[in-house]
Amino acid sequence: MSQTFTTCDICDANKQPSSEDVRVLPPVFRDFGQARKFFGQVVTVKCFEDNTLVKVAVESPGYTDTPHGRVPKVLVVDGGGSVRKALLGGNLGAAAQRNGWGGIVIDGCVRDSLELGVLDLGIRALAAMPMPTEKRNQGEQNVPVQIQGVWVRPGDWLYADEDGTLVMAQPWSV
């Protein structure tokens, strides 16, 4: 697998898709990491103003080794669209990079934006917010989530570049 894709090409090839072929996320996300183009198989976390499971995820391997090479994972976090608490900061972003994650998309906020900005990692979120979360050990992992009205399921494939973010049930092949 390589990053030889563009979201425009994927959409061009799926002009008459079923609702499951290509699901495009609304253009409400800002880039916070250095990587503007990233992809991978989706891992999900659903949490609200508690990043306990985000921490668990980014501290685990962010890739899968296959006979065809290493396949990155993308963490998709359903933070309920909250703009009151940040679900990812500099320390967790650094852990994600260290553990080989392809990217992170958060329907919520991040903090430590200067620290995130130097990471070679795709990070998309709604906004920056300096307030940290509380640690209540609440949330769910590897469940279907709705991100800005779009269903994202564990095992889906997420592709992100300068033109947008989309999700597919199957990996893109040229």
N, C-alpha and C. Protein backbone atom coordinates (compact mmCIF):
# COMPACT_ATOMS: atom_id res chain seq x y z
N MET A 1 0.84 -1.18 0.00
CA MET A 1 0.00 0.00 0.00
C MET A 1 0.88 1.24 0.00
N SER A 2 0.49 2.20 -0.79
CA SER A 2 1.25 3.44 -0.82
C SER A 2 0.29 4.61 -0.83
N GLN A 3 0.85 5.78 -0.72
CA GLN A 3 0.03 6.98 -0.71
C GLN A 3 -0.14 7.53 -2.13
N THR A 4 -0.29 6.65 -3.11
CA THR A 4 -0.48 7.09 -4.49
C THR A 4 -1.98 7.22 -4.76
N PHE A 5 -2.63 8.06 -3.99
CA PHE A 5 -4.05 8.30 -4.17
C PHE A 5 -4.30 9.80 -4.06
N THR A 6 -5.42 10.22 -4.60
CA THR A 6 -5.97 11.52 -4.26
C THR A 6 -7.44 11.28 -3.96
N THR A 7 -7.97 12.04 -3.05
CA THR A 7 -9.39 11.88 -2.74
C THR A 7 -10.25 12.24 -3.95
N CYS A 8 -9.77 13.17 -4.77
CA CYS A 8 -10.51 13.53 -5.99
C CYS A 8 -10.58 12.35 -6.95
N ASP A 9 -9.45 11.63 -7.14
CA ASP A 9 -9.44 10.45 -8.01
C ASP A 9 -10.39 9.38 -7.49
N ILE A 10 -10.38 9.17 -6.19
CA ILE A 10 -11.28 8.17 -5.61
C ILE A 10 -12.73 8.55 -5.86
N CYS A 11 -13.05 9.81 -5.66
CA CYS A 11 -14.43 10.27 -5.89
C CYS A 11 -14.79 10.21 -7.38
N ASP A 12 -13.84 10.56 -8.26
CA ASP A 12 -14.10 10.47 -9.70
C ASP A 12 -14.44 9.04 -10.11
N ALA A 13 -13.76 8.08 -9.51
CA ALA A 13 -13.99 6.67 -9.84
C ALA A 13 -15.29 6.14 -9.23
N ASN A 14 -15.88 6.92 -8.35
CA ASN A 14 -17.10 6.49 -7.66
C ASN A 14 -18.20 7.55 -7.78
N LYS A 15 -18.42 8.03 -9.01
CA LYS A 15 -19.42 9.09 -9.23
C LYS A 15 -20.84 8.63 -8.93
N GLN A 16 -21.10 7.36 -9.10
CA GLN A 16 -22.43 6.82 -8.83
C GLN A 16 -22.35 5.78 -7.71
N PRO A 17 -21.74 6.16 -6.59
CA PRO A 17 -21.54 5.15 -5.55
C PRO A 17 -22.81 4.84 -4.77
N SER A 18 -22.82 3.67 -4.18
CA SER A 18 -23.84 3.40 -3.17
C SER A 18 -23.38 4.14 -1.92
N SER A 19 -24.20 4.18 -0.93
CA SER A 19 -23.85 4.92 0.28
C SER A 19 -22.64 4.32 1.00
N GLU A 20 -22.32 3.08 0.68
CA GLU A 20 -21.20 2.42 1.34
C GLU A 20 -19.89 2.51 0.56
N ASP A 21 -19.95 2.83 -0.73
CA ASP A 21 -18.73 2.86 -1.54
C ASP A 21 -17.77 3.94 -1.07
N VAL A 22 -18.22 5.16 -1.04
CA VAL A 22 -17.39 6.29 -0.61
C VAL A 22 -18.24 7.20 0.26
N ARG A 23 -17.78 7.41 1.47
CA ARG A 23 -18.47 8.33 2.39
C ARG A 23 -17.52 9.48 2.66
N VAL A 24 -17.91 10.68 2.26
CA VAL A 24 -17.05 11.85 2.38
C VAL A 24 -17.43 12.62 3.64
N LEU A 25 -16.42 12.87 4.48
CA LEU A 25 -16.67 13.66 5.69
C LEU A 25 -16.82 15.13 5.32
N PRO A 26 -17.68 15.85 6.01
CA PRO A 26 -17.83 17.28 5.73
C PRO A 26 -16.51 18.03 5.93
N PRO A 27 -16.30 19.12 5.19
CA PRO A 27 -15.03 19.86 5.28
C PRO A 27 -14.98 20.80 6.49
N VAL A 28 -15.08 20.21 7.68
CA VAL A 28 -15.08 21.01 8.91
C VAL A 28 -13.80 20.81 9.73
N PHE A 29 -12.92 19.94 9.27
CA PHE A 29 -11.74 19.59 10.05
C PHE A 29 -10.54 20.45 9.67
N ARG A 30 -9.73 20.77 10.67
CA ARG A 30 -8.47 21.50 10.46
C ARG A 30 -7.32 20.52 10.61
N ASP A 31 -6.24 20.79 9.89
CA ASP A 31 -5.02 19.98 10.01
C ASP A 31 -4.18 20.51 11.16
N PHE A 32 -3.67 19.59 11.99
CA PHE A 32 -2.80 19.98 13.10
C PHE A 32 -1.44 19.31 13.03
N GLY A 33 -1.30 18.19 12.34
CA GLY A 33 -0.01 17.53 12.18
C GLY A 33 0.65 17.97 10.88
N GLN A 34 1.92 17.58 10.70
CA GLN A 34 2.63 17.95 9.46
C GLN A 34 2.10 17.23 8.23
N ALA A 35 1.72 15.98 8.39
CA ALA A 35 1.26 15.20 7.24
C ALA A 35 -0.13 15.65 6.83
N ARG A 36 -0.26 16.11 5.60
CA ARG A 36 -1.55 16.53 5.08
C ARG A 36 -2.23 15.41 4.29
N LYS A 37 -1.44 14.39 3.98
CA LYS A 37 -1.95 13.25 3.23
C LYS A 37 -1.65 11.99 4.03
N PHE A 38 -2.70 11.23 4.33
CA PHE A 38 -2.51 10.00 5.09
C PHE A 38 -3.68 9.05 4.82
N PHE A 39 -3.46 7.79 5.13
CA PHE A 39 -4.50 6.79 4.94
C PHE A 39 -4.25 5.64 5.89
N GLY A 40 -5.24 4.78 6.01
CA GLY A 40 -5.07 3.57 6.80
C GLY A 40 -6.39 2.92 7.14
N GLN A 41 -6.27 1.75 7.73
CA GLN A 41 -7.45 1.03 8.18
C GLN A 41 -7.93 1.63 9.50
N VAL A 42 -9.23 1.78 9.61
CA VAL A 42 -9.83 2.52 10.73
C VAL A 42 -9.91 1.69 12.00
N VAL A 43 -9.52 2.35 13.09
CA VAL A 43 -9.76 1.91 14.46
C VAL A 43 -10.60 3.02 15.08
N THR A 44 -11.65 2.68 15.81
CA THR A 44 -12.52 3.72 16.35
C THR A 44 -12.49 3.79 17.87
N VAL A 45 -12.74 4.99 18.36
CA VAL A 45 -12.96 5.25 19.78
C VAL A 45 -14.14 6.20 19.86
N LYS A 46 -15.06 5.90 20.75
CA LYS A 46 -16.19 6.80 21.02
C LYS A 46 -16.06 7.25 22.46
N CYS A 47 -15.93 8.56 22.64
CA CYS A 47 -15.76 9.09 24.00
C CYS A 47 -16.28 10.52 24.03
N PHE A 48 -16.61 11.01 25.20
CA PHE A 48 -17.07 12.39 25.33
C PHE A 48 -16.32 13.05 26.48
N GLU A 49 -15.44 13.94 26.11
CA GLU A 49 -14.67 14.73 27.08
C GLU A 49 -13.89 13.86 28.06
N ASP A 50 -13.47 12.68 27.61
CA ASP A 50 -12.66 11.75 28.39
C ASP A 50 -11.76 11.02 27.39
N ASN A 51 -10.46 11.27 27.44
CA ASN A 51 -9.57 10.69 26.43
C ASN A 51 -8.85 9.43 26.90
N THR A 52 -9.38 8.75 27.91
CA THR A 52 -8.75 7.53 28.41
C THR A 52 -8.50 6.52 27.30
N LEU A 53 -9.51 6.26 26.46
CA LEU A 53 -9.36 5.26 25.40
C LEU A 53 -8.54 5.76 24.23
N VAL A 54 -8.47 7.08 24.04
CA VAL A 54 -7.57 7.64 23.02
C VAL A 54 -6.14 7.31 23.41
N LYS A 55 -5.82 7.51 24.68
CA LYS A 55 -4.48 7.21 25.20
C LYS A 55 -4.15 5.72 25.00
N VAL A 56 -5.09 4.86 25.33
CA VAL A 56 -4.88 3.41 25.15
C VAL A 56 -4.58 3.11 23.68
N ALA A 57 -5.34 3.72 22.79
CA ALA A 57 -5.17 3.44 21.35
C ALA A 57 -3.81 3.90 20.86
N VAL A 58 -3.44 5.17 21.11
CA VAL A 58 -2.18 5.68 20.53
C VAL A 58 -0.94 5.06 21.16
N GLU A 59 -1.10 4.44 22.32
CA GLU A 59 0.03 3.75 22.93
C GLU A 59 0.18 2.32 22.43
N SER A 60 -0.71 1.91 21.53
CA SER A 60 -0.62 0.58 20.92
C SER A 60 -0.07 0.72 19.50
N PRO A 61 0.37 -0.38 18.88
CA PRO A 61 0.88 -0.30 17.50
C PRO A 61 -0.16 0.27 16.55
N GLY A 62 0.25 1.22 15.73
CA GLY A 62 -0.63 1.89 14.79
C GLY A 62 -0.51 1.35 13.38
N TYR A 63 -0.23 0.08 13.26
CA TYR A 63 -0.05 -0.54 11.95
C TYR A 63 -0.31 -2.04 12.09
N THR A 64 -0.47 -2.68 10.94
CA THR A 64 -0.58 -4.13 10.87
C THR A 64 0.44 -4.61 9.86
N ASP A 65 1.24 -5.59 10.23
CA ASP A 65 2.19 -6.19 9.29
C ASP A 65 1.46 -7.27 8.50
N THR A 66 1.58 -7.19 7.16
CA THR A 66 0.95 -8.17 6.28
C THR A 66 2.02 -8.74 5.36
N PRO A 67 1.71 -9.80 4.62
CA PRO A 67 2.68 -10.33 3.66
C PRO A 67 3.06 -9.30 2.59
N HIS A 68 2.21 -8.28 2.38
CA HIS A 68 2.47 -7.26 1.37
C HIS A 68 3.13 -6.01 1.96
N GLY A 69 3.43 -6.05 3.24
CA GLY A 69 4.07 -4.90 3.87
C GLY A 69 3.25 -4.37 5.04
N ARG A 70 3.74 -3.32 5.61
CA ARG A 70 3.11 -2.70 6.76
C ARG A 70 1.95 -1.81 6.32
N VAL A 71 0.80 -2.01 6.93
CA VAL A 71 -0.39 -1.23 6.62
C VAL A 71 -0.69 -0.32 7.81
N PRO A 72 -0.75 0.99 7.57
CA PRO A 72 -1.02 1.91 8.68
C PRO A 72 -2.47 1.83 9.14
N LYS A 73 -2.71 2.27 10.36
CA LYS A 73 -4.05 2.42 10.90
C LYS A 73 -4.32 3.91 11.09
N VAL A 74 -5.59 4.26 11.05
CA VAL A 74 -6.02 5.62 11.35
C VAL A 74 -7.01 5.55 12.50
N LEU A 75 -6.75 6.31 13.54
CA LEU A 75 -7.64 6.38 14.67
C LEU A 75 -8.72 7.41 14.39
N VAL A 76 -9.98 6.99 14.44
CA VAL A 76 -11.11 7.90 14.26
C VAL A 76 -11.82 8.00 15.61
N VAL A 77 -11.87 9.22 16.12
CA VAL A 77 -12.41 9.46 17.47
C VAL A 77 -13.72 10.24 17.37
N ASP A 78 -14.78 9.61 17.84
CA ASP A 78 -16.08 10.28 17.95
C ASP A 78 -16.12 10.94 19.32
N GLY A 79 -15.77 12.21 19.33
CA GLY A 79 -15.80 12.99 20.56
C GLY A 79 -17.09 13.75 20.73
N GLY A 80 -18.11 13.38 19.96
CA GLY A 80 -19.40 14.03 20.06
C GLY A 80 -19.39 15.48 19.59
N GLY A 81 -18.33 15.88 18.88
CA GLY A 81 -18.24 17.25 18.40
C GLY A 81 -18.00 18.27 19.50
N SER A 82 -17.59 17.80 20.67
CA SER A 82 -17.38 18.73 21.79
C SER A 82 -16.22 19.67 21.51
N VAL A 83 -16.43 20.93 21.80
CA VAL A 83 -15.37 21.93 21.71
C VAL A 83 -15.02 22.47 23.10
N ARG A 84 -15.35 21.70 24.14
CA ARG A 84 -15.07 22.14 25.52
C ARG A 84 -13.81 21.53 26.11
N LYS A 85 -13.38 20.38 25.60
CA LYS A 85 -12.20 19.67 26.13
C LYS A 85 -11.41 19.08 24.97
N ALA A 86 -10.09 19.02 25.11
CA ALA A 86 -9.22 18.47 24.06
C ALA A 86 -8.99 16.98 24.29
N LEU A 87 -9.18 16.19 23.26
CA LEU A 87 -9.02 14.74 23.35
C LEU A 87 -7.62 14.26 23.00
N LEU A 88 -6.79 15.13 22.41
CA LEU A 88 -5.43 14.76 22.04
C LEU A 88 -4.54 15.97 22.26
N GLY A 89 -3.37 15.71 22.87
CA GLY A 89 -2.38 16.77 23.07
C GLY A 89 -1.02 16.31 22.57
N GLY A 90 -0.01 17.08 22.91
CA GLY A 90 1.34 16.82 22.43
C GLY A 90 1.88 15.46 22.83
N ASN A 91 1.68 15.07 24.08
CA ASN A 91 2.21 13.77 24.54
C ASN A 91 1.56 12.60 23.81
N LEU A 92 0.23 12.65 23.67
CA LEU A 92 -0.45 11.55 22.99
C LEU A 92 -0.16 11.57 21.48
N GLY A 93 -0.03 12.75 20.92
CA GLY A 93 0.35 12.84 19.51
C GLY A 93 1.72 12.23 19.26
N ALA A 94 2.67 12.52 20.17
CA ALA A 94 4.02 11.96 20.04
C ALA A 94 3.98 10.44 20.18
N ALA A 95 3.12 9.94 21.07
CA ALA A 95 2.97 8.48 21.22
C ALA A 95 2.42 7.86 19.94
N ALA A 96 1.47 8.53 19.32
CA ALA A 96 0.90 8.02 18.06
C ALA A 96 1.96 7.96 16.97
N GLN A 97 2.77 8.99 16.86
CA GLN A 97 3.84 8.99 15.86
C GLN A 97 4.85 7.88 16.16
N ARG A 98 5.25 7.78 17.40
CA ARG A 98 6.23 6.78 17.82
C ARG A 98 5.74 5.35 17.53
N ASN A 99 4.42 5.14 17.65
CA ASN A 99 3.86 3.81 17.47
C ASN A 99 3.36 3.55 16.05
N GLY A 100 3.69 4.45 15.12
CA GLY A 100 3.46 4.19 13.71
C GLY A 100 2.07 4.42 13.17
N TRP A 101 1.24 5.20 13.86
CA TRP A 101 -0.11 5.47 13.36
C TRP A 101 -0.03 6.25 12.06
N GLY A 102 -0.95 5.96 11.13
CA GLY A 102 -1.02 6.70 9.87
C GLY A 102 -1.65 8.06 10.05
N GLY A 103 -2.59 8.18 10.98
CA GLY A 103 -3.25 9.45 11.23
C GLY A 103 -4.31 9.33 12.30
N ILE A 104 -4.85 10.50 12.64
CA ILE A 104 -5.91 10.59 13.66
C ILE A 104 -6.91 11.63 13.16
N VAL A 105 -8.19 11.27 13.21
CA VAL A 105 -9.27 12.20 12.90
C VAL A 105 -10.16 12.27 14.14
N ILE A 106 -10.37 13.49 14.64
CA ILE A 106 -11.12 13.67 15.89
C ILE A 106 -12.31 14.59 15.66
N ASP A 107 -13.50 14.08 15.94
CA ASP A 107 -14.70 14.91 15.94
C ASP A 107 -14.76 15.56 17.32
N GLY A 108 -13.85 16.49 17.51
CA GLY A 108 -13.65 17.17 18.78
C GLY A 108 -12.38 18.01 18.66
N CYS A 109 -11.75 18.28 19.79
CA CYS A 109 -10.62 19.21 19.81
C CYS A 109 -9.30 18.56 20.19
N VAL A 110 -8.23 19.30 19.88
CA VAL A 110 -6.87 18.96 20.29
C VAL A 110 -6.30 20.13 21.07
N ARG A 111 -5.17 19.90 21.71
CA ARG A 111 -4.44 20.96 22.40
C ARG A 111 -2.95 20.80 22.10
N ASP A 112 -2.15 21.71 22.58
CA ASP A 112 -0.70 21.68 22.31
C ASP A 112 -0.46 21.73 20.80
N SER A 113 -1.15 22.62 20.12
CA SER A 113 -1.10 22.64 18.66
C SER A 113 0.31 22.88 18.11
N LEU A 114 1.16 23.61 18.83
CA LEU A 114 2.53 23.78 18.34
C LEU A 114 3.30 22.47 18.40
N GLU A 115 3.09 21.69 19.44
CA GLU A 115 3.74 20.38 19.55
C GLU A 115 3.20 19.42 18.49
N LEU A 116 1.90 19.43 18.24
CA LEU A 116 1.32 18.56 17.22
C LEU A 116 1.80 18.96 15.83
N GLY A 117 2.02 20.24 15.63
CA GLY A 117 2.39 20.76 14.33
C GLY A 117 3.75 20.31 13.82
N VAL A 118 4.61 19.81 14.69
CA VAL A 118 5.93 19.33 14.25
C VAL A 118 5.96 17.82 14.06
N LEU A 119 4.85 17.15 14.37
CA LEU A 119 4.81 15.69 14.23
C LEU A 119 4.56 15.29 12.78
N ASP A 120 5.28 14.27 12.32
CA ASP A 120 5.07 13.73 10.98
C ASP A 120 3.90 12.75 11.05
N LEU A 121 2.73 13.31 11.23
CA LEU A 121 1.53 12.53 11.47
C LEU A 121 0.34 13.34 10.95
N GLY A 122 -0.62 12.67 10.34
CA GLY A 122 -1.85 13.34 9.95
C GLY A 122 -2.75 13.47 11.16
N ILE A 123 -3.14 14.68 11.49
CA ILE A 123 -4.03 14.93 12.62
C ILE A 123 -5.08 15.94 12.15
N ARG A 124 -6.33 15.52 12.20
CA ARG A 124 -7.44 16.41 11.86
C ARG A 124 -8.41 16.45 13.02
N ALA A 125 -8.84 17.67 13.34
CA ALA A 125 -9.80 17.88 14.43
C ALA A 125 -10.59 19.14 14.12
N LEU A 126 -11.60 19.39 14.92
CA LEU A 126 -12.45 20.56 14.70
C LEU A 126 -11.75 21.86 15.07
N ALA A 127 -10.98 21.85 16.17
CA ALA A 127 -10.38 23.09 16.66
C ALA A 127 -9.34 22.77 17.73
N ALA A 128 -8.64 23.80 18.14
CA ALA A 128 -7.73 23.71 19.29
C ALA A 128 -8.46 24.24 20.51
N MET A 129 -8.22 23.60 21.65
CA MET A 129 -8.85 23.98 22.92
C MET A 129 -7.85 23.63 24.02
N PRO A 130 -7.44 24.59 24.85
CA PRO A 130 -6.43 24.30 25.85
C PRO A 130 -6.90 23.44 27.03
N MET A 131 -8.19 23.32 27.25
CA MET A 131 -8.70 22.59 28.41
C MET A 131 -8.56 21.08 28.21
N PRO A 132 -7.90 20.38 29.17
CA PRO A 132 -7.77 18.92 29.06
C PRO A 132 -9.06 18.21 29.47
N THR A 133 -9.09 16.91 29.18
CA THR A 133 -10.26 16.12 29.58
C THR A 133 -10.11 15.64 31.01
N GLU A 134 -11.19 15.09 31.50
CA GLU A 134 -11.15 14.37 32.77
C GLU A 134 -10.91 12.91 32.42
N LYS A 135 -10.33 12.18 33.35
CA LYS A 135 -10.07 10.75 33.14
C LYS A 135 -11.10 9.96 33.95
N ARG A 136 -12.17 9.53 33.28
CA ARG A 136 -13.24 8.79 33.96
C ARG A 136 -13.29 7.34 33.51
N ASN A 137 -12.36 6.94 32.62
CA ASN A 137 -12.35 5.59 32.06
C ASN A 137 -13.68 5.23 31.40
N GLN A 138 -14.24 6.20 30.67
CA GLN A 138 -15.50 5.97 29.98
C GLN A 138 -15.28 6.01 28.48
N GLY A 139 -16.14 5.34 27.78
CA GLY A 139 -16.09 5.33 26.33
C GLY A 139 -16.16 3.92 25.78
N GLU A 140 -16.10 3.83 24.45
CA GLU A 140 -16.15 2.54 23.78
C GLU A 140 -15.08 2.53 22.70
N GLN A 141 -14.59 1.35 22.40
CA GLN A 141 -13.62 1.22 21.32
C GLN A 141 -14.07 0.16 20.33
N ASN A 142 -13.64 0.34 19.08
CA ASN A 142 -13.97 -0.57 17.99
C ASN A 142 -15.47 -0.79 17.83
N VAL A 143 -16.21 0.34 17.81
CA VAL A 143 -17.64 0.33 17.55
C VAL A 143 -17.91 1.28 16.38
N PRO A 144 -19.00 1.07 15.63
CA PRO A 144 -19.35 2.04 14.60
C PRO A 144 -19.61 3.40 15.24
N VAL A 145 -19.13 4.45 14.58
CA VAL A 145 -19.32 5.81 15.10
C VAL A 145 -19.86 6.69 13.99
N GLN A 146 -20.51 7.77 14.38
CA GLN A 146 -20.96 8.77 13.42
C GLN A 146 -20.11 10.01 13.60
N ILE A 147 -19.41 10.38 12.53
CA ILE A 147 -18.55 11.55 12.53
C ILE A 147 -19.20 12.60 11.64
N GLN A 148 -19.70 13.65 12.26
CA GLN A 148 -20.37 14.72 11.51
C GLN A 148 -21.45 14.14 10.58
N GLY A 149 -22.19 13.16 11.09
CA GLY A 149 -23.29 12.57 10.34
C GLY A 149 -22.91 11.45 9.39
N VAL A 150 -21.63 11.09 9.33
CA VAL A 150 -21.15 10.05 8.42
C VAL A 150 -20.74 8.82 9.24
N TRP A 151 -21.27 7.66 8.88
CA TRP A 151 -20.92 6.43 9.59
C TRP A 151 -19.50 5.99 9.23
N VAL A 152 -18.75 5.65 10.27
CA VAL A 152 -17.40 5.11 10.12
C VAL A 152 -17.33 3.86 11.00
N ARG A 153 -16.86 2.77 10.39
CA ARG A 153 -16.84 1.49 11.10
C ARG A 153 -15.41 0.98 11.26
N PRO A 154 -15.14 0.27 12.35
CA PRO A 154 -13.82 -0.35 12.48
C PRO A 154 -13.55 -1.24 11.27
N GLY A 155 -12.35 -1.15 10.73
CA GLY A 155 -12.00 -1.94 9.56
C GLY A 155 -12.23 -1.21 8.25
N ASP A 156 -12.97 -0.09 8.26
CA ASP A 156 -13.09 0.74 7.06
C ASP A 156 -11.71 1.28 6.72
N TRP A 157 -11.61 1.95 5.57
CA TRP A 157 -10.37 2.59 5.14
C TRP A 157 -10.60 4.08 5.04
N LEU A 158 -9.73 4.87 5.62
CA LEU A 158 -9.83 6.32 5.58
C LEU A 158 -8.70 6.86 4.72
N TYR A 159 -9.04 7.80 3.84
CA TYR A 159 -8.08 8.47 2.97
C TYR A 159 -8.25 9.97 3.17
N ALA A 160 -7.16 10.67 3.40
CA ALA A 160 -7.20 12.11 3.63
C ALA A 160 -6.09 12.78 2.85
N ASP A 161 -6.42 13.90 2.24
CA ASP A 161 -5.42 14.73 1.57
C ASP A 161 -5.88 16.18 1.62
N GLU A 162 -5.25 17.02 0.84
CA GLU A 162 -5.54 18.45 0.87
C GLU A 162 -6.97 18.78 0.44
N ASP A 163 -7.63 17.87 -0.26
CA ASP A 163 -8.98 18.13 -0.76
C ASP A 163 -10.09 17.57 0.12
N GLY A 164 -9.76 16.68 1.03
CA GLY A 164 -10.83 16.17 1.87
C GLY A 164 -10.47 14.88 2.59
N THR A 165 -11.50 14.35 3.25
CA THR A 165 -11.36 13.13 4.03
C THR A 165 -12.52 12.22 3.65
N LEU A 166 -12.20 10.98 3.29
CA LEU A 166 -13.27 10.05 2.93
C LEU A 166 -13.01 8.68 3.53
N VAL A 167 -14.09 7.91 3.58
CA VAL A 167 -14.05 6.58 4.17
C VAL A 167 -14.67 5.60 3.18
N MET A 168 -14.05 4.42 3.11
CA MET A 168 -14.53 3.36 2.21
C MET A 168 -14.52 2.03 2.96
N ALA A 169 -15.41 1.14 2.58
CA ALA A 169 -15.43 -0.18 3.19
C ALA A 169 -14.25 -1.03 2.77
N GLN A 170 -13.75 -0.81 1.55
CA GLN A 170 -12.63 -1.59 1.00
C GLN A 170 -11.47 -0.65 0.71
N PRO A 171 -10.24 -1.16 0.72
CA PRO A 171 -9.10 -0.30 0.38
C PRO A 171 -9.14 0.13 -1.07
N TRP A 172 -8.64 1.32 -1.33
CA TRP A 172 -8.55 1.87 -2.68
C TRP A 172 -7.44 1.17 -3.42
N SER A 173 -7.70 0.82 -4.65
CA SER A 173 -6.63 0.29 -5.50
C SER A 173 -6.70 1.03 -6.82
N VAL A 174 -5.51 1.39 -7.30
CA VAL A 174 -5.41 2.17 -8.54
C VAL A 174 -5.73 1.32 -9.73
